[in-house]
Amino acid sequence: MKVLNKLAPLAFMAATLSSPANADDAAWNKYTMEGAKAYDSGNFGVAQRNFEQSLNEAKKFAPNDMRLATSLTNLGVLYSFRGQNAKAGPLFEQAVRIKQKALGPDNYDTVAAVAKLCQFHLKNNPAKAEPICNRVVGYVDSKLKEKREIALSFETLNKFYGRHKELEEAEIFVKQAENQTSKATTGSYLELAVLVDGLAGAAKDAKKFQPAEQLYKRALALRHGVLPKDHMAIASSLENLAKLYCDEGRFHMAEPLYRRAMEISKTTLGGQKPETFAKIDGLGQCLVGLSKLSEAKSLYQETLSAFEKAYGKGSKYVMDCDVQLGHICIKQGNGAQAAQYYGDAVKISEKINGPRHASLSSLLDCYAGALARANRQGEAKRISTRAREIRG
């Protein structure tokens, strides 16, 4: 239950914003923390009662108190998770209004609340989400502009001091300021990139591909601005954008992104790591989408050999390569070779999961289809029957 982990840290940070100075503070902290603990444990009824009490306590504070925004958000997350969207929406909207007044519209915490509201609408009312997405995009653009302006300012100063060696002492202070600024902004840009990725994923899931593309591009730009060119976070950003293009059928846009992501992963982690295989697999399926079947086949064959050496012939990664090679052979009209690859995949799957695992049925269907194409009808019928028996 991955969603459970999203709320507890938020509530904990909110609860530690101030030490309990009076009974109202203590009560708010108590209900917030107990609600978060219950939510994290899956005790949603207990969590709801505590969060509702937390909200009642928060209403005793000032109208723009951040604890009120936190209580509204926590209860909104819970209502949304339980399908009570009519209750959740107004809470998220009120939390945004409070943060706008208390922190300003261009504060990161305000934008994070806006992003949460946008994710909610993407799931429940996508028409309301697009202008909110645009607001997040605008905020990211302002941060990217800020980054460029900061870099230009220090570049100008460094050039100036390079011509005026008599100001060496001042140059030292500028270098220190540049280093401190870089350290301070890098973390905030990376945190923003993670937030933007989450919102882009929600837009993608809602089939809102245009805002998803804008957001993924900006997450990539944020990381490019502060990370080394071969950092794995950049590879992940490239992969996210490539997956989106593949979902849209824009394989020609995805191919160079997958290639670059694969190169980074091979350079940084090595060619035999699972993270690298994910990018190789993405590129392989992209090549299939572009009808570059021979190139895709060679890619998977090379990868299969590498994984056999690294993990043995019975590994899951070898099985995945066998399956993809079987698919490609079918597209090439080579049923006999496809049957060989599918048959190898079946043997590995049986070793890993057992002979009657549910996941085996679809693989057996592929195997039976390949056998039929290879004019091995008797074997195909037997394998097809076995697949039906597994499905029940």
Protein backbone atom coordinates (compact mmCIF):
# COMPACT_ATOMS: atom_id res chain seq x y z
CA MET A 1 0.00 0.00 0.00
CA LYS A 2 2.42 2.64 -1.23
CA VAL A 3 -0.01 5.50 -0.82
CA LEU A 4 0.10 5.08 2.95
CA ASN A 5 3.62 6.43 3.13
CA LYS A 6 2.74 9.73 1.51
CA LEU A 7 0.86 11.26 4.39
CA ALA A 8 2.76 10.42 7.55
CA PRO A 9 5.91 12.48 6.80
CA LEU A 10 3.78 15.48 5.90
CA ALA A 11 1.85 15.28 9.15
CA PHE A 12 5.00 14.76 11.16
CA MET A 13 6.69 17.84 9.75
CA ALA A 14 3.60 19.89 10.34
CA ALA A 15 3.35 18.70 13.90
CA THR A 16 6.90 19.80 14.63
CA LEU A 17 6.52 23.31 13.24
CA SER A 18 6.01 24.54 16.77
CA SER A 19 6.26 23.04 20.22
CA PRO A 20 2.95 22.75 22.06
CA ALA A 21 2.72 26.10 23.84
CA ASN A 22 -0.83 25.56 25.08
CA ALA A 23 -3.60 23.01 25.27
CA ASP A 24 -4.81 23.72 21.72
CA ASP A 25 -1.31 23.14 20.32
CA ALA A 26 -0.94 19.91 22.26
CA ALA A 27 -4.32 18.62 21.14
CA TRP A 28 -3.63 19.44 17.49
CA ASN A 29 -0.28 17.67 17.63
CA LYS A 30 -1.83 14.65 19.34
CA TYR A 31 -4.67 14.20 16.84
CA THR A 32 -2.39 14.85 13.85
CA MET A 33 0.23 12.34 14.89
CA GLU A 34 -2.29 9.67 15.91
CA GLY A 35 -4.13 10.16 12.63
CA ALA A 36 -0.92 9.78 10.64
CA LYS A 37 0.02 6.64 12.58
CA ALA A 38 -3.42 5.10 11.98
CA TYR A 39 -3.33 6.03 8.29
CA ASP A 40 0.09 4.48 7.86
CA SER A 41 -1.21 1.29 9.51
CA GLY A 42 -4.28 1.15 7.28
CA ASN A 43 -6.73 1.95 10.12
CA PHE A 44 -8.64 4.48 8.05
CA GLY A 45 -11.64 4.86 10.35
CA VAL A 46 -9.37 5.76 13.27
CA ALA A 47 -7.31 8.02 11.02
CA GLN A 48 -10.42 9.86 9.84
CA ARG A 49 -11.67 10.49 13.38
CA ASN A 50 -8.27 11.82 14.42
CA PHE A 51 -7.87 14.03 11.37
CA GLU A 52 -11.35 15.45 11.82
CA GLN A 53 -10.49 16.26 15.44
CA SER A 54 -7.19 17.74 14.27
CA LEU A 55 -9.11 20.00 11.88
CA ASN A 56 -11.47 21.08 14.66
CA GLU A 57 -8.45 22.05 16.78
CA ALA A 58 -6.78 23.83 13.86
CA LYS A 59 -9.86 26.02 13.37
CA LYS A 60 -9.09 27.57 16.77
CA PHE A 61 -5.85 29.02 15.36
CA ALA A 62 -5.54 32.08 13.12
CA PRO A 63 -7.36 31.82 9.74
CA ASN A 64 -4.10 31.53 7.79
CA ASP A 65 -2.26 29.26 10.23
CA MET A 66 -0.22 26.62 8.41
CA ARG A 67 -1.49 23.95 10.78
CA LEU A 68 -4.98 24.52 9.43
CA ALA A 69 -3.67 23.98 5.88
CA THR A 70 -1.98 20.78 7.02
CA SER A 71 -5.12 19.42 8.67
CA LEU A 72 -7.17 20.22 5.59
CA THR A 73 -4.63 18.46 3.36
CA ASN A 74 -4.36 15.39 5.58
CA LEU A 75 -8.11 14.94 5.74
CA GLY A 76 -8.40 15.62 2.00
CA VAL A 77 -5.86 12.89 1.23
CA LEU A 78 -7.78 10.46 3.42
CA TYR A 79 -11.16 11.33 1.90
CA SER A 80 -9.72 11.02 -1.59
CA PHE A 81 -8.16 7.64 -0.81
CA ARG A 82 -11.52 6.42 0.48
CA GLY A 83 -13.35 7.66 -2.62
CA GLN A 84 -15.08 10.59 -0.87
CA ASN A 85 -14.06 13.06 -3.56
CA ALA A 86 -16.91 15.52 -2.98
CA LYS A 87 -15.53 16.07 0.52
CA ALA A 88 -11.86 16.06 -0.47
CA GLY A 89 -11.88 18.69 -3.23
CA PRO A 90 -12.99 21.69 -1.12
CA LEU A 91 -10.41 20.81 1.55
CA PHE A 92 -7.54 20.85 -0.95
CA GLU A 93 -8.80 24.15 -2.39
CA GLN A 94 -9.03 25.76 1.05
CA ALA A 95 -5.51 24.57 1.89
CA VAL A 96 -4.22 26.25 -1.29
CA ARG A 97 -5.97 29.53 -0.40
CA ILE A 98 -4.45 29.53 3.09
CA LYS A 99 -0.94 28.91 1.79
CA GLN A 100 -1.32 31.59 -0.86
CA LYS A 101 -2.22 34.16 1.79
CA ALA A 102 0.31 33.00 4.36
CA LEU A 103 3.29 32.27 2.12
CA GLY A 104 2.57 33.97 -1.20
CA PRO A 105 1.70 32.41 -4.57
CA ASP A 106 5.32 31.81 -5.58
CA ASN A 107 6.39 29.94 -2.47
CA TYR A 108 7.39 26.28 -2.98
CA ASP A 109 4.99 25.00 -0.29
CA THR A 110 2.15 26.87 -1.98
CA VAL A 111 3.05 25.37 -5.35
CA ALA A 112 3.23 21.91 -3.76
CA ALA A 113 -0.32 22.39 -2.48
CA VAL A 114 -1.40 23.56 -5.94
CA ALA A 115 0.19 20.44 -7.45
CA LYS A 116 -1.70 18.22 -5.01
CA LEU A 117 -4.95 19.94 -5.96
CA CYS A 118 -4.09 19.46 -9.63
CA GLN A 119 -3.44 15.74 -9.12
CA PHE A 120 -6.80 15.44 -7.41
CA HIS A 121 -8.60 17.09 -10.33
CA LEU A 122 -6.69 15.02 -12.89
CA LYS A 123 -8.19 11.91 -11.30
CA ASN A 124 -11.67 13.25 -10.78
CA ASN A 125 -12.31 16.28 -12.99
CA PRO A 126 -9.57 16.66 -15.63
CA ALA A 127 -11.16 19.76 -17.18
CA LYS A 128 -10.40 21.72 -14.00
CA ALA A 129 -6.81 20.49 -13.89
CA GLU A 130 -5.32 22.07 -17.02
CA PRO A 131 -5.19 25.71 -15.83
CA ILE A 132 -3.72 24.51 -12.53
CA CYS A 133 -1.06 22.52 -14.43
CA ASN A 134 -0.24 25.67 -16.37
CA ARG A 135 0.30 27.50 -13.11
CA VAL A 136 2.85 24.91 -11.97
CA VAL A 137 4.55 25.10 -15.38
CA GLY A 138 4.75 28.88 -14.99
CA TYR A 139 6.35 28.54 -11.58
CA VAL A 140 8.97 26.10 -12.91
CA ASP A 141 9.71 28.43 -15.82
CA SER A 142 10.33 31.26 -13.36
CA LYS A 143 12.77 29.06 -11.43
CA LEU A 144 14.59 28.06 -14.62
CA LYS A 145 14.84 31.73 -15.57
CA GLU A 146 16.12 32.51 -12.08
CA LYS A 147 18.79 29.82 -12.50
CA ARG A 148 19.93 31.28 -15.81
CA GLU A 149 20.05 34.80 -14.39
CA ILE A 150 22.07 33.69 -11.36
CA ALA A 151 24.54 31.86 -13.59
CA LEU A 152 24.86 34.88 -15.89
CA SER A 153 25.42 37.21 -12.95
CA PHE A 154 28.27 35.15 -11.55
CA GLU A 155 29.73 34.67 -15.03
CA THR A 156 29.78 38.45 -15.52
CA LEU A 157 31.39 39.00 -12.12
CA ASN A 158 34.02 36.32 -12.76
CA LYS A 159 34.93 37.93 -16.07
CA PHE A 160 35.18 41.31 -14.40
CA TYR A 161 37.48 40.09 -11.65
CA GLY A 162 39.51 38.18 -14.22
CA ARG A 163 40.41 41.57 -15.73
CA HIS A 164 41.01 43.24 -12.38
CA LYS A 165 43.53 41.19 -10.45
CA GLU A 166 43.91 44.00 -7.91
CA LEU A 167 40.44 43.04 -6.62
CA GLU A 168 41.48 39.50 -5.75
CA GLU A 169 40.06 39.73 -2.23
CA ALA A 170 36.63 40.66 -3.55
CA GLU A 171 36.85 37.85 -6.10
CA ILE A 172 37.33 35.35 -3.28
CA PHE A 173 34.08 36.50 -1.65
CA VAL A 174 32.28 36.21 -4.99
CA LYS A 175 33.54 32.64 -5.43
CA GLN A 176 32.33 31.77 -1.94
CA ALA A 177 28.93 33.31 -2.70
CA GLU A 178 28.73 31.35 -5.95
CA ASN A 179 29.47 28.05 -4.18
CA GLN A 180 26.97 28.74 -1.39
CA THR A 181 24.31 29.76 -3.90
CA SER A 182 24.89 26.59 -5.90
CA LYS A 183 24.55 24.41 -2.81
CA ALA A 184 21.42 26.22 -1.66
CA THR A 185 19.64 26.10 -5.02
CA THR A 186 20.60 22.58 -6.12
CA GLY A 187 18.50 20.88 -3.45
CA SER A 188 15.48 23.08 -4.09
CA TYR A 189 15.62 22.51 -7.86
CA LEU A 190 15.87 18.74 -7.41
CA GLU A 191 12.99 18.74 -4.93
CA LEU A 192 10.92 20.71 -7.42
CA ALA A 193 11.84 18.23 -10.18
CA VAL A 194 10.46 15.36 -8.09
CA LEU A 195 7.22 17.27 -7.50
CA VAL A 196 6.90 18.05 -11.22
CA ASP A 197 7.54 14.41 -12.15
CA GLY A 198 4.71 13.31 -9.87
CA LEU A 199 2.31 15.78 -11.43
CA ALA A 200 3.42 14.80 -14.94
CA GLY A 201 2.75 11.15 -14.12
CA ALA A 202 -0.76 12.01 -12.93
CA ALA A 203 -1.38 13.96 -16.15
CA LYS A 204 -0.10 11.02 -18.20
CA ASP A 205 -2.39 8.60 -16.34
CA ALA A 206 -5.31 10.94 -17.10
CA LYS A 207 -4.34 10.89 -20.81
CA LYS A 208 -3.54 14.60 -20.66
CA PHE A 209 -0.44 14.19 -22.77
CA GLN A 210 0.28 17.82 -23.60
CA PRO A 211 0.60 19.05 -19.99
CA ALA A 212 2.42 15.83 -19.12
CA GLU A 213 4.98 16.57 -21.84
CA GLN A 214 5.45 20.15 -20.64
CA LEU A 215 5.98 18.98 -17.07
CA TYR A 216 8.37 16.13 -17.92
CA LYS A 217 10.44 18.50 -20.08
CA ARG A 218 10.73 20.95 -17.22
CA ALA A 219 11.69 18.27 -14.72
CA LEU A 220 14.46 17.29 -17.14
CA ALA A 221 15.56 20.92 -17.51
CA LEU A 222 15.71 21.36 -13.73
CA ARG A 223 17.97 18.33 -13.39
CA HIS A 224 20.13 19.30 -16.37
CA GLY A 225 20.75 22.63 -14.68
CA VAL A 226 22.30 21.22 -11.50
CA LEU A 227 23.46 17.64 -12.09
CA PRO A 228 26.36 16.07 -14.01
CA LYS A 229 25.40 15.02 -17.53
CA ASP A 230 25.70 11.29 -16.73
CA HIS A 231 23.68 11.35 -13.51
CA MET A 232 21.06 8.61 -13.21
CA ALA A 233 18.35 11.14 -12.29
CA ILE A 234 18.79 12.64 -15.75
CA ALA A 235 18.50 9.16 -17.28
CA SER A 236 15.24 8.67 -15.38
CA SER A 237 13.90 12.01 -16.63
CA LEU A 238 14.78 11.08 -20.21
CA GLU A 239 13.08 7.73 -19.74
CA ASN A 240 9.91 9.34 -18.35
CA LEU A 241 9.60 11.59 -21.39
CA ALA A 242 10.39 8.72 -23.76
CA LYS A 243 7.67 6.55 -22.20
CA LEU A 244 5.17 9.36 -22.69
CA TYR A 245 6.09 9.67 -26.37
CA CYS A 246 5.73 5.91 -26.80
CA ASP A 247 2.29 6.00 -25.20
CA GLU A 248 1.34 8.62 -27.78
CA GLY A 249 2.85 6.58 -30.61
CA ARG A 250 5.57 9.19 -31.22
CA PHE A 251 8.32 6.62 -31.33
CA HIS A 252 10.63 8.83 -33.40
CA MET A 253 10.65 11.31 -30.50
CA ALA A 254 11.22 8.61 -27.92
CA GLU A 255 14.13 6.83 -29.65
CA PRO A 256 16.92 9.41 -29.03
CA LEU A 257 15.79 9.85 -25.42
CA TYR A 258 15.89 6.13 -24.74
CA ARG A 259 19.31 5.88 -26.41
CA ARG A 260 20.71 8.64 -24.22
CA ALA A 261 19.12 7.17 -21.07
CA MET A 262 20.60 3.77 -21.93
CA GLU A 263 24.05 5.30 -22.51
CA ILE A 264 23.98 7.07 -19.15
CA SER A 265 22.86 3.92 -17.35
CA LYS A 266 25.53 1.78 -19.01
CA THR A 267 28.22 4.35 -18.20
CA THR A 268 27.10 4.93 -14.62
CA LEU A 269 25.86 1.51 -13.50
CA GLY A 270 27.06 -0.93 -16.13
CA GLY A 271 25.28 -2.81 -18.90
CA GLN A 272 24.13 -5.74 -16.75
CA LYS A 273 22.14 -3.88 -14.10
CA PRO A 274 18.32 -4.13 -13.86
CA GLU A 275 18.01 -0.33 -14.15
CA THR A 276 19.94 -0.48 -17.40
CA PHE A 277 17.76 -3.31 -18.72
CA ALA A 278 14.65 -1.17 -18.18
CA LYS A 279 16.08 1.43 -20.54
CA ILE A 280 17.28 -1.17 -23.04
CA ASP A 281 13.81 -2.73 -22.99
CA GLY A 282 12.22 0.67 -23.55
CA LEU A 283 14.49 1.33 -26.51
CA GLY A 284 13.82 -2.15 -27.89
CA GLN A 285 10.05 -1.68 -27.78
CA CYS A 286 10.46 1.78 -29.29
CA LEU A 287 12.43 0.28 -32.19
CA VAL A 288 9.67 -2.27 -32.69
CA GLY A 289 7.18 0.61 -32.82
CA LEU A 290 9.34 2.15 -35.56
CA SER A 291 9.41 -1.20 -37.42
CA LYS A 292 13.18 -1.43 -36.93
CA LEU A 293 12.79 -5.09 -36.12
CA SER A 294 16.30 -6.26 -37.05
CA GLU A 295 17.91 -3.61 -34.88
CA ALA A 296 15.54 -4.40 -31.99
CA LYS A 297 16.31 -8.10 -32.34
CA SER A 298 20.07 -7.50 -32.25
CA LEU A 299 19.66 -5.30 -29.16
CA TYR A 300 17.75 -7.98 -27.25
CA GLN A 301 20.12 -10.75 -28.38
CA GLU A 302 23.14 -8.81 -27.12
CA THR A 303 21.33 -8.09 -23.86
CA LEU A 304 20.30 -11.72 -23.45
CA SER A 305 23.92 -12.84 -23.80
CA ALA A 306 25.08 -10.25 -21.28
CA PHE A 307 22.46 -11.27 -18.72
CA GLU A 308 23.18 -14.97 -19.20
CA LYS A 309 26.79 -14.26 -18.25
CA ALA A 310 25.85 -12.01 -15.33
CA TYR A 311 22.90 -13.89 -13.79
CA GLY A 312 22.79 -17.31 -15.45
CA LYS A 313 20.50 -18.74 -18.09
CA GLY A 314 17.60 -19.11 -15.66
CA SER A 315 17.27 -15.47 -14.61
CA LYS A 316 14.16 -13.35 -14.96
CA TYR A 317 16.04 -10.88 -17.16
CA VAL A 318 16.94 -13.64 -19.63
CA MET A 319 13.29 -14.68 -19.64
CA ASP A 320 12.20 -11.10 -20.41
CA CYS A 321 14.63 -10.97 -23.33
CA ASP A 322 13.34 -14.32 -24.61
CA VAL A 323 9.77 -13.02 -24.53
CA GLN A 324 10.62 -9.84 -26.43
CA LEU A 325 12.63 -11.80 -28.98
CA GLY A 326 9.66 -14.11 -29.44
CA HIS A 327 7.39 -11.12 -30.10
CA ILE A 328 9.84 -9.74 -32.68
CA CYS A 329 10.14 -13.09 -34.46
CA ILE A 330 6.35 -13.28 -34.74
CA LYS A 331 6.32 -9.82 -36.35
CA GLN A 332 9.04 -11.01 -38.73
CA GLY A 333 6.93 -14.05 -39.65
CA ASN A 334 9.36 -16.54 -38.14
CA GLY A 335 7.12 -18.79 -36.04
CA ALA A 336 9.74 -21.50 -35.56
CA GLN A 337 12.31 -19.15 -34.02
CA ALA A 338 9.61 -17.44 -31.94
CA ALA A 339 8.59 -20.84 -30.56
CA GLN A 340 12.18 -21.46 -29.50
CA TYR A 341 12.38 -18.18 -27.59
CA TYR A 342 8.92 -18.57 -26.01
CA GLY A 343 9.73 -22.16 -25.06
CA ASP A 344 12.90 -21.04 -23.29
CA ALA A 345 10.92 -18.34 -21.48
CA VAL A 346 8.33 -20.89 -20.35
CA LYS A 347 11.04 -23.12 -18.84
CA ILE A 348 12.52 -20.19 -16.90
CA SER A 349 9.10 -19.06 -15.69
CA GLU A 350 8.31 -22.56 -14.46
CA LYS A 351 11.55 -22.65 -12.49
CA ILE A 352 10.97 -19.23 -10.95
CA ASN A 353 7.22 -19.34 -10.23
CA GLY A 354 6.19 -22.97 -10.59
CA PRO A 355 4.28 -24.81 -13.35
CA ARG A 356 0.83 -23.45 -12.52
CA HIS A 357 1.46 -19.82 -11.72
CA ALA A 358 -1.15 -17.44 -13.12
CA SER A 359 1.47 -15.38 -14.96
CA LEU A 360 2.40 -18.44 -17.03
CA SER A 361 -0.92 -18.62 -18.89
CA SER A 362 -0.35 -15.60 -21.17
CA LEU A 363 3.18 -16.81 -21.95
CA LEU A 364 1.81 -20.24 -22.86
CA ASP A 365 -0.68 -18.54 -25.19
CA CYS A 366 2.22 -16.86 -27.00
CA TYR A 367 4.07 -20.16 -27.16
CA ALA A 368 1.02 -21.96 -28.57
CA GLY A 369 0.53 -19.25 -31.18
CA ALA A 370 4.15 -19.54 -32.31
CA LEU A 371 3.91 -23.33 -32.49
CA ALA A 372 0.79 -23.06 -34.64
CA ARG A 373 2.59 -20.65 -36.99
CA ALA A 374 5.42 -23.18 -37.22
CA ASN A 375 2.88 -25.87 -38.25
CA ARG A 376 3.32 -27.78 -35.00
CA GLN A 377 -0.43 -28.00 -34.42
CA GLY A 378 -0.42 -30.91 -31.99
CA GLU A 379 2.01 -29.21 -29.62
CA ALA A 380 0.16 -25.91 -30.00
CA LYS A 381 -3.14 -27.55 -28.97
CA ARG A 382 -1.55 -29.18 -25.94
CA ILE A 383 0.06 -25.92 -24.77
CA SER A 384 -3.14 -23.96 -25.35
CA THR A 385 -5.10 -26.48 -23.27
CA ARG A 386 -2.57 -26.11 -20.46
CA ALA A 387 -2.96 -22.32 -20.52
CA ARG A 388 -6.76 -22.64 -20.21
CA GLU A 389 -6.38 -25.06 -17.29
CA ILE A 390 -4.16 -22.58 -15.42
CA ARG A 391 -6.73 -19.82 -15.94
CA GLY A 392 -9.44 -22.16 -14.66
